């Protein structure tokens, strides 16, 4: 067991897991992008700012009209559809927040 605990692989994996637990940047570095999934329509929407550019966090202002329940006259989203889930997209697949964190921890340095 002491050989395993002292291995470079295990050390790197433990460092990566610690980074995942404390740093949201880790998810972005592993290819996860903030997104919303509408489970009523099975539509996936990447999080975007009001300017249409990809957002670094979950923001509602860039959602298309079909994902918005109420939008103010100025364009800000007041309420999104109740069927939206916040999570992450990676390679075209949607991950809940918990699933993305779990995947990042399990994949470790190999991802």
C-alpha atoms as a PDB file:
ATOM      1  CA  UNK A   1       0.000   0.000   0.000  1.00  0.00           C
ATOM      2  CA  UNK A   2       2.858   2.385   0.673  1.00  0.00           C
ATOM      3  CA  UNK A   3       4.020   2.021  -2.952  1.00  0.00           C
ATOM      4  CA  UNK A   4       0.559   2.990  -4.193  1.00  0.00           C
ATOM      5  CA  UNK A   5       0.336   5.970  -1.859  1.00  0.00           C
ATOM      6  CA  UNK A   6       3.744   7.183  -3.024  1.00  0.00           C
ATOM      7  CA  UNK A   7       3.139   6.753  -6.740  1.00  0.00           C
ATOM      8  CA  UNK A   8       3.216   9.729  -9.071  1.00  0.00           C
ATOM      9  CA  UNK A   9      -0.117   8.725 -10.571  1.00  0.00           C
ATOM     10  CA  UNK A  10      -1.926   8.774  -7.239  1.00  0.00           C
ATOM     11  CA  UNK A  11      -0.311  12.053  -6.258  1.00  0.00           C
ATOM     12  CA  UNK A  12      -1.411  13.698  -9.502  1.00  0.00           C
ATOM     13  CA  UNK A  13      -4.913  12.283  -9.132  1.00  0.00           C
ATOM     14  CA  UNK A  14      -5.237  13.598  -5.583  1.00  0.00           C
ATOM     15  CA  UNK A  15      -4.036  17.040  -6.673  1.00  0.00           C
ATOM     16  CA  UNK A  16      -6.558  17.043  -9.514  1.00  0.00           C
ATOM     17  CA  UNK A  17      -9.400  15.980  -7.215  1.00  0.00           C
ATOM     18  CA  UNK A  18      -8.526  18.734  -4.770  1.00  0.00           C
ATOM     19  CA  UNK A  19      -8.517  21.255  -7.611  1.00  0.00           C
ATOM     20  CA  UNK A  20     -11.913  20.048  -8.837  1.00  0.00           C
ATOM     21  CA  UNK A  21     -13.371  20.363  -5.360  1.00  0.00           C
ATOM     22  CA  UNK A  22     -12.288  23.969  -4.884  1.00  0.00           C
ATOM     23  CA  UNK A  23     -12.115  25.510  -8.368  1.00  0.00           C
ATOM     24  CA  UNK A  24     -14.901  25.876 -10.950  1.00  0.00           C
ATOM     25  CA  UNK A  25     -12.250  26.689 -13.555  1.00  0.00           C
ATOM     26  CA  UNK A  26     -11.366  23.004 -13.538  1.00  0.00           C
ATOM     27  CA  UNK A  27     -14.652  22.113 -15.218  1.00  0.00           C
ATOM     28  CA  UNK A  28     -14.055  24.640 -17.975  1.00  0.00           C
ATOM     29  CA  UNK A  29     -10.524  23.312 -18.410  1.00  0.00           C
ATOM     30  CA  UNK A  30     -11.966  19.843 -18.927  1.00  0.00           C
ATOM     31  CA  UNK A  31     -14.293  21.050 -21.680  1.00  0.00           C
ATOM     32  CA  UNK A  32     -17.469  21.600 -19.667  1.00  0.00           C
ATOM     33  CA  UNK A  33     -19.459  24.697 -20.624  1.00  0.00           C
ATOM     34  CA  UNK A  34     -22.303  26.208 -18.564  1.00  0.00           C
ATOM     35  CA  UNK A  35     -25.622  25.269 -20.137  1.00  0.00           C
ATOM     36  CA  UNK A  36     -29.330  24.807 -19.590  1.00  0.00           C
ATOM     37  CA  UNK A  37     -31.403  21.780 -20.569  1.00  0.00           C
ATOM     38  CA  UNK A  38     -35.134  22.007 -21.152  1.00  0.00           C
ATOM     39  CA  UNK A  39     -36.472  18.594 -20.208  1.00  0.00           C
ATOM     40  CA  UNK A  40     -39.891  19.355 -21.751  1.00  0.00           C
ATOM     41  CA  UNK A  41     -38.460  19.925 -25.238  1.00  0.00           C
ATOM     42  CA  UNK A  42     -35.079  18.133 -24.869  1.00  0.00           C
ATOM     43  CA  UNK A  43     -33.368  21.324 -26.032  1.00  0.00           C
ATOM     44  CA  UNK A  44     -29.877  22.238 -24.858  1.00  0.00           C
ATOM     45  CA  UNK A  45     -28.904  25.916 -24.549  1.00  0.00           C
ATOM     46  CA  UNK A  46     -25.370  27.086 -23.871  1.00  0.00           C
ATOM     47  CA  UNK A  47     -25.190  29.881 -21.321  1.00  0.00           C
ATOM     48  CA  UNK A  48     -24.680  33.178 -23.111  1.00  0.00           C
ATOM     49  CA  UNK A  49     -24.523  36.774 -22.027  1.00  0.00           C
ATOM     50  CA  UNK A  50     -26.962  39.392 -23.255  1.00  0.00           C
ATOM     51  CA  UNK A  51     -24.436  40.166 -26.033  1.00  0.00           C
ATOM     52  CA  UNK A  52     -24.700  36.568 -27.305  1.00  0.00           C
ATOM     53  CA  UNK A  53     -21.144  35.605 -26.392  1.00  0.00           C
ATOM     54  CA  UNK A  54     -20.528  32.387 -24.430  1.00  0.00           C
ATOM     55  CA  UNK A  55     -20.757  32.996 -20.685  1.00  0.00           C
ATOM     56  CA  UNK A  56     -18.274  31.726 -18.114  1.00  0.00           C
ATOM     57  CA  UNK A  57     -21.106  31.054 -15.651  1.00  0.00           C
ATOM     58  CA  UNK A  58     -24.820  30.366 -15.709  1.00  0.00           C
ATOM     59  CA  UNK A  59     -26.548  33.562 -16.840  1.00  0.00           C
ATOM     60  CA  UNK A  60     -30.097  33.827 -18.138  1.00  0.00           C
ATOM     61  CA  UNK A  61     -29.958  36.974 -20.260  1.00  0.00           C
ATOM     62  CA  UNK A  62     -28.688  35.179 -23.353  1.00  0.00           C
ATOM     63  CA  UNK A  63     -31.388  32.518 -23.411  1.00  0.00           C
ATOM     64  CA  UNK A  64     -33.520  32.382 -26.564  1.00  0.00           C
ATOM     65  CA  UNK A  65     -37.191  33.339 -26.311  1.00  0.00           C
ATOM     66  CA  UNK A  66     -38.358  29.705 -26.323  1.00  0.00           C
ATOM     67  CA  UNK A  67     -36.551  29.152 -23.003  1.00  0.00           C
ATOM     68  CA  UNK A  68     -37.837  32.313 -21.330  1.00  0.00           C
ATOM     69  CA  UNK A  69     -41.139  32.654 -19.461  1.00  0.00           C
ATOM     70  CA  UNK A  70     -40.936  36.423 -18.788  1.00  0.00           C
ATOM     71  CA  UNK A  71     -38.543  38.962 -20.287  1.00  0.00           C
ATOM     72  CA  UNK A  72     -38.409  42.656 -19.340  1.00  0.00           C
ATOM     73  CA  UNK A  73     -38.734  45.387 -21.950  1.00  0.00           C
ATOM     74  CA  UNK A  74     -35.001  46.027 -21.641  1.00  0.00           C
ATOM     75  CA  UNK A  75     -34.273  42.404 -22.619  1.00  0.00           C
ATOM     76  CA  UNK A  76     -33.331  41.003 -19.199  1.00  0.00           C
ATOM     77  CA  UNK A  77     -34.780  37.643 -18.267  1.00  0.00           C
ATOM     78  CA  UNK A  78     -37.129  37.900 -15.308  1.00  0.00           C
ATOM     79  CA  UNK A  79     -38.178  34.230 -15.308  1.00  0.00           C
ATOM     80  CA  UNK A  80     -36.964  31.239 -17.252  1.00  0.00           C
ATOM     81  CA  UNK A  81     -39.172  28.281 -18.094  1.00  0.00           C
ATOM     82  CA  UNK A  82     -39.787  26.034 -15.105  1.00  0.00           C
ATOM     83  CA  UNK A  83     -38.566  23.048 -17.133  1.00  0.00           C
ATOM     84  CA  UNK A  84     -34.969  24.320 -17.402  1.00  0.00           C
ATOM     85  CA  UNK A  85     -32.164  22.581 -15.556  1.00  0.00           C
ATOM     86  CA  UNK A  86     -28.826  24.306 -14.993  1.00  0.00           C
ATOM     87  CA  UNK A  87     -25.776  22.192 -15.698  1.00  0.00           C
ATOM     88  CA  UNK A  88     -22.950  21.770 -18.168  1.00  0.00           C
ATOM     89  CA  UNK A  89     -22.473  20.701 -21.779  1.00  0.00           C
ATOM     90  CA  UNK A  90     -19.497  18.672 -22.948  1.00  0.00           C
ATOM     91  CA  UNK A  91     -19.161  17.219 -26.453  1.00  0.00           C
ATOM     92  CA  UNK A  92     -22.887  17.685 -27.090  1.00  0.00           C
ATOM     93  CA  UNK A  93     -24.020  15.936 -23.904  1.00  0.00           C
ATOM     94  CA  UNK A  94     -25.741  17.568 -20.950  1.00  0.00           C
ATOM     95  CA  UNK A  95     -24.470  16.960 -17.413  1.00  0.00           C
ATOM     96  CA  UNK A  96     -26.180  18.096 -14.237  1.00  0.00           C
ATOM     97  CA  UNK A  97     -23.892  20.041 -11.926  1.00  0.00           C
ATOM     98  CA  UNK A  98     -23.431  17.020  -9.717  1.00  0.00           C
ATOM     99  CA  UNK A  99     -22.730  14.710 -12.668  1.00  0.00           C
ATOM    100  CA  UNK A 100     -20.153  17.127 -14.103  1.00  0.00           C
ATOM    101  CA  UNK A 101     -18.295  17.354 -10.788  1.00  0.00           C
ATOM    102  CA  UNK A 102     -18.436  13.585 -10.324  1.00  0.00           C
ATOM    103  CA  UNK A 103     -17.137  13.002 -13.862  1.00  0.00           C
ATOM    104  CA  UNK A 104     -14.313  15.484 -13.345  1.00  0.00           C
ATOM    105  CA  UNK A 105     -13.286  13.778 -10.112  1.00  0.00           C
ATOM    106  CA  UNK A 106     -13.444  10.305 -11.633  1.00  0.00           C
ATOM    107  CA  UNK A 107     -11.632  11.244 -14.841  1.00  0.00           C
ATOM    108  CA  UNK A 108      -8.901  13.060 -12.894  1.00  0.00           C
ATOM    109  CA  UNK A 109      -5.797  13.864 -14.905  1.00  0.00           C
ATOM    110  CA  UNK A 110      -6.773  11.518 -17.743  1.00  0.00           C
ATOM    111  CA  UNK A 111      -9.585  13.794 -18.936  1.00  0.00           C
END
